[in-house]
Amino acid sequence: MKNVNKKIGGYLMAMFLLVGIAALANTTAQAQYPRYDPYRRDDRYRDRRYDQTNVYEIARQQGYSYGMNVGAADAQRGQSYSPQRSRYWKNADAGYNSYYGNRGQYKQVFRNAFAQGYREGYMRYGDNRRSNNGRWGNRQWPY
């Protein structure tokens, strides 16, 4: 009977140990990933609402920035002027978030800003190369 009591006690101890470890692991997981609370004002994961003016400004800033970088890179590599060649132009959704709403409108604003940024980046670095009277000395700009 003593051995049976020891075995039962050992099994109970092991079970309580496993339950304790599981409870502790659950607490750690909740600390890392806080629960979504839509009524909490400072909740980082709360659903964000953007008005269309802000969305268009975000699309414009993203498009211009990407266009400026791609245009400058194309000019530095000596490639022809072509903003439509870029994957950023084709996708036109860099920086897009589903909270922003209409993806098509975002893309339209992004592409317009991309074209403007591309033109300015290409001119800035193309002018630097042209002023050196290198192979860009007689370059005709496409605009």
N, C-alpha and C. Protein backbone atom coordinates (compact mmCIF):
# COMPACT_ATOMS: atom_id res chain seq x y z
N MET A 1 0.81 -1.19 0.00
CA MET A 1 0.00 0.00 0.00
C MET A 1 0.87 1.27 0.00
N LYS A 2 2.04 1.19 0.69
CA LYS A 2 2.95 2.34 0.72
C LYS A 2 3.44 2.71 -0.68
N ASN A 3 3.78 1.70 -1.46
CA ASN A 3 4.28 1.94 -2.82
C ASN A 3 3.20 2.56 -3.71
N VAL A 4 1.95 2.13 -3.51
CA VAL A 4 0.85 2.67 -4.29
C VAL A 4 0.65 4.15 -3.95
N ASN A 5 0.71 4.49 -2.68
CA ASN A 5 0.56 5.89 -2.26
C ASN A 5 1.70 6.74 -2.81
N LYS A 6 2.92 6.21 -2.83
CA LYS A 6 4.06 6.95 -3.38
C LYS A 6 3.88 7.20 -4.88
N LYS A 7 3.38 6.15 -5.58
CA LYS A 7 3.17 6.31 -7.02
C LYS A 7 2.09 7.35 -7.30
N ILE A 8 0.98 7.28 -6.57
CA ILE A 8 -0.10 8.25 -6.77
C ILE A 8 0.40 9.65 -6.43
N GLY A 9 1.14 9.79 -5.35
CA GLY A 9 1.70 11.08 -4.97
C GLY A 9 2.65 11.61 -6.04
N GLY A 10 3.46 10.73 -6.61
CA GLY A 10 4.38 11.13 -7.69
C GLY A 10 3.63 11.59 -8.93
N TYR A 11 2.57 10.86 -9.30
CA TYR A 11 1.77 11.26 -10.45
C TYR A 11 1.08 12.60 -10.22
N LEU A 12 0.54 12.79 -9.00
CA LEU A 12 -0.11 14.07 -8.68
C LEU A 12 0.90 15.22 -8.73
N MET A 13 2.08 14.99 -8.19
CA MET A 13 3.13 16.02 -8.20
C MET A 13 3.50 16.37 -9.64
N ALA A 14 3.66 15.38 -10.48
CA ALA A 14 4.00 15.62 -11.89
C ALA A 14 2.89 16.38 -12.60
N MET A 15 1.64 16.01 -12.30
CA MET A 15 0.51 16.69 -12.93
C MET A 15 0.46 18.16 -12.51
N PHE A 16 0.63 18.43 -11.21
CA PHE A 16 0.62 19.82 -10.74
C PHE A 16 1.78 20.62 -11.34
N LEU A 17 2.93 19.98 -11.49
CA LEU A 17 4.08 20.64 -12.10
C LEU A 17 3.77 21.02 -13.55
N LEU A 18 3.18 20.10 -14.31
CA LEU A 18 2.84 20.39 -15.71
C LEU A 18 1.78 21.48 -15.82
N VAL A 19 0.77 21.44 -14.95
CA VAL A 19 -0.26 22.49 -14.96
C VAL A 19 0.36 23.84 -14.63
N GLY A 20 1.28 23.87 -13.68
CA GLY A 20 1.96 25.12 -13.32
C GLY A 20 2.79 25.67 -14.46
N ILE A 21 3.51 24.80 -15.15
CA ILE A 21 4.32 25.24 -16.29
C ILE A 21 3.42 25.77 -17.39
N ALA A 22 2.31 25.10 -17.67
CA ALA A 22 1.38 25.55 -18.71
C ALA A 22 0.79 26.91 -18.35
N ALA A 23 0.43 27.11 -17.08
CA ALA A 23 -0.13 28.40 -16.66
C ALA A 23 0.90 29.50 -16.79
N LEU A 24 2.14 29.22 -16.44
CA LEU A 24 3.21 30.21 -16.55
C LEU A 24 3.49 30.56 -18.01
N ALA A 25 3.49 29.55 -18.88
CA ALA A 25 3.72 29.79 -20.31
C ALA A 25 2.62 30.66 -20.90
N ASN A 26 1.38 30.44 -20.50
CA ASN A 26 0.26 31.23 -21.00
C ASN A 26 0.39 32.68 -20.56
N THR A 27 0.82 32.91 -19.34
CA THR A 27 1.01 34.28 -18.84
C THR A 27 2.09 34.99 -19.63
N THR A 28 3.18 34.29 -19.94
CA THR A 28 4.27 34.88 -20.72
C THR A 28 3.79 35.25 -22.11
N ALA A 29 3.00 34.37 -22.74
CA ALA A 29 2.50 34.66 -24.09
C ALA A 29 1.58 35.88 -24.07
N GLN A 30 0.77 36.05 -23.05
CA GLN A 30 -0.11 37.21 -22.97
C GLN A 30 0.68 38.48 -22.76
N ALA A 31 1.78 38.40 -22.05
CA ALA A 31 2.60 39.59 -21.83
C ALA A 31 3.25 40.04 -23.14
N GLN A 32 3.61 39.12 -23.99
CA GLN A 32 4.24 39.48 -25.25
C GLN A 32 3.22 39.99 -26.27
N TYR A 33 2.03 39.44 -26.27
CA TYR A 33 1.01 39.81 -27.24
C TYR A 33 -0.25 40.24 -26.49
N PRO A 34 -0.34 41.51 -26.14
CA PRO A 34 -1.51 41.95 -25.36
C PRO A 34 -2.80 41.76 -26.14
N ARG A 35 -3.85 41.53 -25.43
CA ARG A 35 -5.15 41.31 -26.05
C ARG A 35 -5.67 42.60 -26.68
N TYR A 36 -6.40 42.45 -27.73
CA TYR A 36 -7.02 43.57 -28.43
C TYR A 36 -8.19 44.07 -27.59
N ASP A 37 -8.19 45.35 -27.28
CA ASP A 37 -9.28 45.96 -26.52
C ASP A 37 -9.72 47.22 -27.25
N PRO A 38 -10.84 47.16 -28.01
CA PRO A 38 -11.24 48.31 -28.82
C PRO A 38 -11.65 49.53 -27.99
N TYR A 39 -11.89 49.35 -26.70
CA TYR A 39 -12.34 50.47 -25.87
C TYR A 39 -11.20 51.13 -25.11
N ARG A 40 -10.03 50.58 -25.20
CA ARG A 40 -8.89 51.15 -24.50
C ARG A 40 -8.28 52.23 -25.37
N ARG A 41 -8.11 53.42 -24.84
CA ARG A 41 -7.66 54.55 -25.63
C ARG A 41 -6.21 54.42 -26.10
N ASP A 42 -5.35 53.86 -25.30
CA ASP A 42 -3.93 53.81 -25.66
C ASP A 42 -3.53 52.46 -26.27
N ASP A 43 -4.50 51.71 -26.75
CA ASP A 43 -4.21 50.39 -27.30
C ASP A 43 -3.47 50.54 -28.64
N ARG A 44 -2.26 49.99 -28.72
CA ARG A 44 -1.47 50.09 -29.94
C ARG A 44 -2.09 49.35 -31.11
N TYR A 45 -2.90 48.36 -30.84
CA TYR A 45 -3.45 47.52 -31.90
C TYR A 45 -4.88 47.91 -32.28
N ARG A 46 -5.33 49.05 -31.80
CA ARG A 46 -6.69 49.49 -32.10
C ARG A 46 -6.84 49.78 -33.59
N ASP A 47 -8.01 49.56 -34.11
CA ASP A 47 -8.32 49.82 -35.51
C ASP A 47 -8.12 51.31 -35.78
N ARG A 48 -7.30 51.63 -36.75
CA ARG A 48 -7.01 53.02 -37.07
C ARG A 48 -7.89 53.47 -38.24
N ARG A 49 -8.36 54.69 -38.16
CA ARG A 49 -9.15 55.27 -39.25
C ARG A 49 -8.37 56.43 -39.84
N TYR A 50 -8.29 56.49 -41.15
CA TYR A 50 -7.57 57.55 -41.83
C TYR A 50 -8.55 58.28 -42.72
N ASP A 51 -8.53 59.60 -42.68
CA ASP A 51 -9.36 60.31 -43.64
C ASP A 51 -8.62 60.34 -44.97
N GLN A 52 -9.35 60.56 -46.03
CA GLN A 52 -8.79 60.46 -47.37
C GLN A 52 -7.66 61.45 -47.62
N THR A 53 -7.70 62.62 -47.00
CA THR A 53 -6.63 63.59 -47.19
C THR A 53 -5.31 63.02 -46.69
N ASN A 54 -5.33 62.39 -45.53
CA ASN A 54 -4.11 61.79 -44.99
C ASN A 54 -3.63 60.63 -45.86
N VAL A 55 -4.56 59.83 -46.37
CA VAL A 55 -4.19 58.70 -47.21
C VAL A 55 -3.51 59.18 -48.48
N TYR A 56 -4.07 60.22 -49.10
CA TYR A 56 -3.47 60.74 -50.32
C TYR A 56 -2.10 61.35 -50.04
N GLU A 57 -1.94 61.98 -48.89
CA GLU A 57 -0.65 62.55 -48.54
C GLU A 57 0.38 61.44 -48.33
N ILE A 58 -0.03 60.36 -47.70
CA ILE A 58 0.88 59.23 -47.51
C ILE A 58 1.27 58.64 -48.86
N ALA A 59 0.31 58.45 -49.74
CA ALA A 59 0.59 57.91 -51.08
C ALA A 59 1.51 58.85 -51.85
N ARG A 60 1.25 60.15 -51.73
CA ARG A 60 2.09 61.12 -52.44
C ARG A 60 3.52 61.08 -51.92
N GLN A 61 3.69 61.06 -50.62
CA GLN A 61 5.04 61.04 -50.04
C GLN A 61 5.78 59.75 -50.41
N GLN A 62 5.09 58.63 -50.34
CA GLN A 62 5.72 57.36 -50.68
C GLN A 62 6.11 57.34 -52.16
N GLY A 63 5.18 57.72 -53.02
CA GLY A 63 5.45 57.71 -54.46
C GLY A 63 6.59 58.64 -54.84
N TYR A 64 6.58 59.85 -54.29
CA TYR A 64 7.64 60.81 -54.60
C TYR A 64 9.00 60.30 -54.15
N SER A 65 9.05 59.75 -52.94
CA SER A 65 10.31 59.26 -52.40
C SER A 65 10.88 58.11 -53.25
N TYR A 66 10.03 57.14 -53.55
CA TYR A 66 10.48 56.03 -54.38
C TYR A 66 10.87 56.52 -55.78
N GLY A 67 10.09 57.42 -56.34
CA GLY A 67 10.40 57.95 -57.67
C GLY A 67 11.73 58.69 -57.71
N MET A 68 11.98 59.49 -56.70
CA MET A 68 13.23 60.25 -56.62
C MET A 68 14.42 59.28 -56.59
N ASN A 69 14.32 58.25 -55.76
CA ASN A 69 15.43 57.29 -55.64
C ASN A 69 15.64 56.49 -56.92
N VAL A 70 14.56 56.03 -57.53
CA VAL A 70 14.68 55.23 -58.75
C VAL A 70 15.17 56.09 -59.90
N GLY A 71 14.65 57.31 -60.02
CA GLY A 71 15.10 58.21 -61.09
C GLY A 71 16.57 58.55 -60.97
N ALA A 72 17.02 58.83 -59.77
CA ALA A 72 18.44 59.14 -59.55
C ALA A 72 19.31 57.93 -59.88
N ALA A 73 18.86 56.75 -59.47
CA ALA A 73 19.64 55.53 -59.75
C ALA A 73 19.71 55.27 -61.25
N ASP A 74 18.60 55.46 -61.97
CA ASP A 74 18.60 55.26 -63.41
C ASP A 74 19.56 56.24 -64.10
N ALA A 75 19.53 57.49 -63.68
CA ALA A 75 20.43 58.48 -64.28
C ALA A 75 21.89 58.15 -63.99
N GLN A 76 22.18 57.73 -62.78
CA GLN A 76 23.55 57.40 -62.43
C GLN A 76 24.07 56.19 -63.21
N ARG A 77 23.19 55.25 -63.50
CA ARG A 77 23.59 54.07 -64.27
C ARG A 77 23.58 54.32 -65.78
N GLY A 78 23.12 55.49 -66.18
CA GLY A 78 23.09 55.81 -67.60
C GLY A 78 21.92 55.18 -68.34
N GLN A 79 20.86 54.80 -67.63
CA GLN A 79 19.70 54.22 -68.29
C GLN A 79 18.81 55.31 -68.87
N SER A 80 18.00 54.92 -69.82
CA SER A 80 17.09 55.89 -70.43
C SER A 80 15.99 56.29 -69.46
N TYR A 81 15.37 57.41 -69.73
CA TYR A 81 14.30 57.94 -68.89
C TYR A 81 13.05 57.10 -69.10
N SER A 82 12.63 56.38 -68.06
CA SER A 82 11.43 55.54 -68.17
C SER A 82 10.92 55.17 -66.78
N PRO A 83 10.04 56.00 -66.20
CA PRO A 83 9.51 55.66 -64.88
C PRO A 83 8.64 54.40 -64.90
N GLN A 84 8.02 54.09 -66.05
CA GLN A 84 7.15 52.92 -66.13
C GLN A 84 7.92 51.61 -66.07
N ARG A 85 9.23 51.65 -66.22
CA ARG A 85 10.05 50.45 -66.17
C ARG A 85 10.15 49.90 -64.74
N SER A 86 9.98 50.76 -63.76
CA SER A 86 10.18 50.40 -62.36
C SER A 86 9.07 49.49 -61.83
N ARG A 87 9.45 48.56 -60.98
CA ARG A 87 8.44 47.70 -60.33
C ARG A 87 7.60 48.50 -59.36
N TYR A 88 8.14 49.59 -58.81
CA TYR A 88 7.36 50.44 -57.91
C TYR A 88 6.24 51.13 -58.67
N TRP A 89 6.52 51.53 -59.91
CA TRP A 89 5.48 52.13 -60.75
C TRP A 89 4.41 51.09 -61.08
N LYS A 90 4.85 49.89 -61.44
CA LYS A 90 3.91 48.85 -61.84
C LYS A 90 3.00 48.44 -60.69
N ASN A 91 3.59 48.20 -59.51
CA ASN A 91 2.79 47.79 -58.36
C ASN A 91 2.04 48.97 -57.74
N ALA A 92 2.71 50.08 -57.57
CA ALA A 92 2.15 51.33 -57.05
C ALA A 92 1.46 51.17 -55.70
N ASP A 93 1.91 50.22 -54.91
CA ASP A 93 1.28 50.05 -53.60
C ASP A 93 2.30 50.01 -52.46
N ALA A 94 3.49 50.52 -52.69
CA ALA A 94 4.49 50.57 -51.63
C ALA A 94 3.98 51.49 -50.52
N GLY A 95 3.98 50.99 -49.32
CA GLY A 95 3.50 51.77 -48.19
C GLY A 95 2.00 51.68 -47.97
N TYR A 96 1.29 50.96 -48.84
CA TYR A 96 -0.17 50.85 -48.70
C TYR A 96 -0.52 49.95 -47.52
N ASN A 97 -1.55 50.33 -46.79
CA ASN A 97 -2.05 49.56 -45.67
C ASN A 97 -3.55 49.38 -45.88
N SER A 98 -4.07 48.24 -45.54
CA SER A 98 -5.49 47.97 -45.78
C SER A 98 -6.40 48.94 -45.03
N TYR A 99 -5.90 49.60 -44.00
CA TYR A 99 -6.69 50.60 -43.29
C TYR A 99 -6.97 51.82 -44.16
N TYR A 100 -6.17 52.01 -45.20
CA TYR A 100 -6.28 53.22 -46.03
C TYR A 100 -7.51 53.22 -46.92
N GLY A 101 -8.10 52.08 -47.15
CA GLY A 101 -9.31 52.05 -47.96
C GLY A 101 -9.02 51.68 -49.40
N ASN A 102 -9.51 52.48 -50.33
CA ASN A 102 -9.47 52.19 -51.76
C ASN A 102 -8.04 52.10 -52.29
N ARG A 103 -7.63 50.90 -52.69
CA ARG A 103 -6.28 50.68 -53.19
C ARG A 103 -6.08 51.35 -54.56
N GLY A 104 -7.11 51.38 -55.38
CA GLY A 104 -6.99 51.98 -56.71
C GLY A 104 -6.69 53.46 -56.66
N GLN A 105 -7.34 54.18 -55.75
CA GLN A 105 -7.06 55.61 -55.60
C GLN A 105 -5.66 55.83 -55.05
N TYR A 106 -5.25 54.99 -54.11
CA TYR A 106 -3.89 55.09 -53.57
C TYR A 106 -2.88 54.92 -54.70
N LYS A 107 -3.11 53.93 -55.58
CA LYS A 107 -2.19 53.67 -56.68
C LYS A 107 -2.10 54.86 -57.64
N GLN A 108 -3.23 55.48 -57.91
CA GLN A 108 -3.24 56.61 -58.83
C GLN A 108 -2.41 57.76 -58.28
N VAL A 109 -2.61 58.09 -57.02
CA VAL A 109 -1.85 59.18 -56.39
C VAL A 109 -0.37 58.80 -56.31
N PHE A 110 -0.09 57.55 -55.96
CA PHE A 110 1.28 57.07 -55.86
C PHE A 110 2.00 57.23 -57.20
N ARG A 111 1.35 56.80 -58.29
CA ARG A 111 2.00 56.87 -59.61
C ARG A 111 2.26 58.30 -60.05
N ASN A 112 1.31 59.20 -59.80
CA ASN A 112 1.53 60.61 -60.16
C ASN A 112 2.73 61.18 -59.41
N ALA A 113 2.81 60.89 -58.11
CA ALA A 113 3.92 61.39 -57.31
C ALA A 113 5.22 60.70 -57.70
N PHE A 114 5.14 59.41 -58.03
CA PHE A 114 6.33 58.67 -58.46
C PHE A 114 6.91 59.32 -59.72
N ALA A 115 6.05 59.64 -60.68
CA ALA A 115 6.51 60.27 -61.92
C ALA A 115 7.19 61.60 -61.64
N GLN A 116 6.62 62.39 -60.76
CA GLN A 116 7.23 63.68 -60.41
C GLN A 116 8.59 63.47 -59.73
N GLY A 117 8.65 62.56 -58.75
CA GLY A 117 9.91 62.28 -58.07
C GLY A 117 10.95 61.71 -59.00
N TYR A 118 10.52 60.82 -59.90
CA TYR A 118 11.44 60.22 -60.87
C TYR A 118 12.06 61.30 -61.76
N ARG A 119 11.20 62.19 -62.26
CA ARG A 119 11.67 63.27 -63.13
C ARG A 119 12.71 64.13 -62.41
N GLU A 120 12.42 64.50 -61.16
CA GLU A 120 13.35 65.36 -60.42
C GLU A 120 14.65 64.62 -60.07
N GLY A 121 14.55 63.35 -59.68
CA GLY A 121 15.75 62.58 -59.38
C GLY A 121 16.60 62.37 -60.63
N TYR A 122 15.96 62.08 -61.74
CA TYR A 122 16.68 61.86 -62.99
C TYR A 122 17.36 63.14 -63.45
N MET A 123 16.64 64.27 -63.34
CA MET A 123 17.23 65.55 -63.76
C MET A 123 18.40 65.93 -62.86
N ARG A 124 18.24 65.74 -61.56
CA ARG A 124 19.29 66.15 -60.62
C ARG A 124 20.60 65.42 -60.92
N TYR A 125 20.54 64.11 -61.08
CA TYR A 125 21.75 63.35 -61.32
C TYR A 125 22.16 63.37 -62.77
N GLY A 126 21.20 63.50 -63.67
CA GLY A 126 21.53 63.64 -65.08
C GLY A 126 22.22 64.97 -65.35
N ASP A 127 21.78 66.04 -64.69
CA ASP A 127 22.43 67.34 -64.83
C ASP A 127 23.85 67.31 -64.32
N ASN A 128 24.09 66.59 -63.24
CA ASN A 128 25.45 66.48 -62.71
C ASN A 128 26.35 65.78 -63.71
N ARG A 129 25.85 64.76 -64.34
CA ARG A 129 26.66 64.04 -65.33
C ARG A 129 26.84 64.89 -66.59
N ARG A 130 25.78 65.63 -66.97
CA ARG A 130 25.84 66.44 -68.16
C ARG A 130 26.82 67.60 -67.99
N SER A 131 26.90 68.15 -66.79
CA SER A 131 27.79 69.29 -66.56
C SER A 131 29.25 68.88 -66.65
N ASN A 132 29.54 67.60 -66.54
CA ASN A 132 30.91 67.12 -66.67
C ASN A 132 31.32 66.97 -68.13
N ASN A 133 30.41 67.26 -69.07
CA ASN A 133 30.65 67.13 -70.50
C ASN A 133 31.10 65.72 -70.86
N GLY A 134 30.56 64.76 -70.17
CA GLY A 134 30.86 63.37 -70.48
C GLY A 134 29.95 62.92 -71.59
N ARG A 135 29.57 61.67 -71.58
CA ARG A 135 28.73 61.15 -72.64
C ARG A 135 27.33 61.72 -72.59
N TRP A 136 26.98 62.47 -71.54
CA TRP A 136 25.66 63.09 -71.41
C TRP A 136 25.67 64.53 -71.91
N GLY A 137 26.77 64.98 -72.50
CA GLY A 137 26.91 66.37 -72.89
C GLY A 137 25.81 66.87 -73.82
N ASN A 138 25.35 66.08 -74.76
CA ASN A 138 24.35 66.52 -75.72
C ASN A 138 23.00 65.87 -75.48
N ARG A 139 22.75 65.41 -74.29
CA ARG A 139 21.52 64.66 -73.97
C ARG A 139 20.31 65.56 -74.07
N GLN A 140 19.28 65.09 -74.75
CA GLN A 140 18.02 65.78 -74.82
C GLN A 140 17.07 65.17 -73.80
N TRP A 141 16.51 65.99 -72.94
CA TRP A 141 15.63 65.50 -71.88
C TRP A 141 14.24 65.25 -72.45
N PRO A 142 13.56 64.20 -71.98
CA PRO A 142 12.27 63.80 -72.56
C PRO A 142 11.08 64.56 -72.03
N TYR A 143 11.22 65.80 -71.61
CA TYR A 143 10.08 66.52 -71.09
C TYR A 143 10.11 67.94 -71.43
